[in-house]
Amino acid sequence: MSNHASSLRQPVGPADTAALAHELAELMVQALNLELSAAEIDPDTPLYGEGLGLDSIDILEIALVVSKRYGVQLRADSAENEQIFRSLRRLAEYITAHRTT
């Protein structure tokens, strides 16, 4: 008996991750009222510190938007958060692997 659910899931390639990273950049610009465009955000720029300079409150806002939009639950106390929010690309990869919507 074949498993139809697994056959419906398509492998995710670099183009899909890049498209999601751009979509996330647009969501971040809107949610955080950033003074730059989504196109100006390099997917590998660090989100914390000297990259985009986001703080923990900004990251919580992003986590809320991601949860609502993609069904991915991000916990504030997760040890993975430093890696998940390292860059847009890392966040996109995490969402791709864990999304429910």
Protein backbone atom coordinates (compact mmCIF):
# COMPACT_ATOMS: atom_id res chain seq x y z
CA MET A 1 0.00 0.00 0.00
CA SER A 2 1.54 3.33 -1.00
CA ASN A 3 1.72 6.33 1.26
CA HIS A 4 0.08 9.21 -0.64
CA ALA A 5 1.01 11.84 1.95
CA SER A 6 4.74 11.30 1.47
CA SER A 7 4.40 11.29 -2.31
CA LEU A 8 2.68 14.68 -2.21
CA ARG A 9 5.56 16.29 -0.35
CA GLN A 10 7.98 17.76 -2.86
CA PRO A 11 11.67 18.14 -2.10
CA VAL A 12 12.63 21.68 -1.27
CA GLY A 13 15.41 23.18 -3.29
CA PRO A 14 17.58 26.28 -2.90
CA ALA A 15 15.18 28.33 -5.06
CA ASP A 16 12.31 27.56 -2.69
CA THR A 17 14.39 28.56 0.33
CA ALA A 18 15.48 31.78 -1.42
CA ALA A 19 11.85 32.62 -2.26
CA LEU A 20 10.81 32.00 1.33
CA ALA A 21 13.72 34.11 2.62
CA HIS A 22 12.53 37.01 0.44
CA GLU A 23 8.96 36.53 1.67
CA LEU A 24 10.25 36.55 5.26
CA ALA A 25 12.18 39.75 4.57
CA GLU A 26 8.95 41.39 3.38
CA LEU A 27 7.12 40.19 6.49
CA MET A 28 9.91 41.53 8.72
CA VAL A 29 9.92 44.94 7.03
CA GLN A 30 6.16 45.20 7.56
CA ALA A 31 5.99 43.76 11.08
CA LEU A 32 8.94 45.74 12.43
CA ASN A 33 8.48 48.91 10.35
CA LEU A 34 12.07 48.69 9.16
CA GLU A 35 13.47 51.61 7.22
CA LEU A 36 14.76 49.47 4.37
CA SER A 37 13.16 47.36 1.68
CA ALA A 38 12.99 43.58 1.67
CA ALA A 39 15.29 43.54 -1.38
CA GLU A 40 18.00 45.28 0.68
CA ILE A 41 18.14 42.44 3.23
CA ASP A 42 20.78 39.88 2.34
CA PRO A 43 19.54 36.38 3.29
CA ASP A 44 22.85 35.66 5.05
CA THR A 45 23.02 38.88 7.07
CA PRO A 46 22.88 38.17 10.81
CA LEU A 47 19.56 39.19 12.32
CA TYR A 48 21.11 40.05 15.70
CA GLY A 49 23.87 42.50 16.48
CA GLU A 50 25.83 44.15 13.69
CA GLY A 51 23.69 42.62 10.94
CA LEU A 52 20.14 43.95 10.99
CA GLY A 53 20.56 44.91 14.64
CA LEU A 54 17.35 43.27 15.81
CA ASP A 55 16.80 42.77 19.53
CA SER A 56 14.93 40.10 21.47
CA ILE A 57 11.60 41.95 21.20
CA ASP A 58 11.99 42.13 17.41
CA ILE A 59 12.73 38.40 17.30
CA LEU A 60 9.58 37.71 19.36
CA GLU A 61 7.57 39.71 16.82
CA ILE A 62 9.07 37.70 13.97
CA ALA A 63 8.33 34.45 15.82
CA LEU A 64 4.69 35.49 16.22
CA VAL A 65 4.33 36.36 12.52
CA VAL A 66 6.01 33.09 11.50
CA SER A 67 3.74 31.10 13.80
CA LYS A 68 0.60 32.69 12.40
CA ARG A 69 1.67 32.55 8.76
CA TYR A 70 3.38 29.15 8.55
CA GLY A 71 2.14 27.21 11.57
CA VAL A 72 5.67 26.86 12.95
CA GLN A 73 5.86 27.07 16.71
CA LEU A 74 8.99 28.84 17.92
CA ARG A 75 9.57 28.74 21.66
CA ALA A 76 11.29 31.60 23.46
CA ASP A 77 13.22 29.15 25.63
CA SER A 78 14.45 26.94 22.78
CA ALA A 79 18.17 26.26 22.70
CA GLU A 80 17.92 26.26 18.87
CA ASN A 81 16.86 29.92 18.62
CA GLU A 82 20.38 31.23 18.18
CA GLN A 83 20.79 29.01 15.13
CA ILE A 84 17.23 29.47 13.82
CA PHE A 85 17.45 33.26 13.91
CA ARG A 86 21.06 33.50 12.77
CA SER A 87 19.94 34.78 9.34
CA LEU A 88 16.93 34.88 7.04
CA ARG A 89 18.28 31.87 5.18
CA ARG A 90 18.52 29.81 8.39
CA LEU A 91 15.01 30.90 9.42
CA ALA A 92 13.67 29.97 5.96
CA GLU A 93 15.35 26.56 6.16
CA TYR A 94 13.84 25.94 9.60
CA ILE A 95 10.36 26.98 8.44
CA THR A 96 10.62 24.80 5.34
CA ALA A 97 11.46 21.79 7.50
CA HIS A 98 8.77 22.42 10.14
CA ARG A 99 5.86 24.26 8.52
CA THR A 100 2.32 22.97 8.77
CA THR A 101 0.62 25.43 6.40
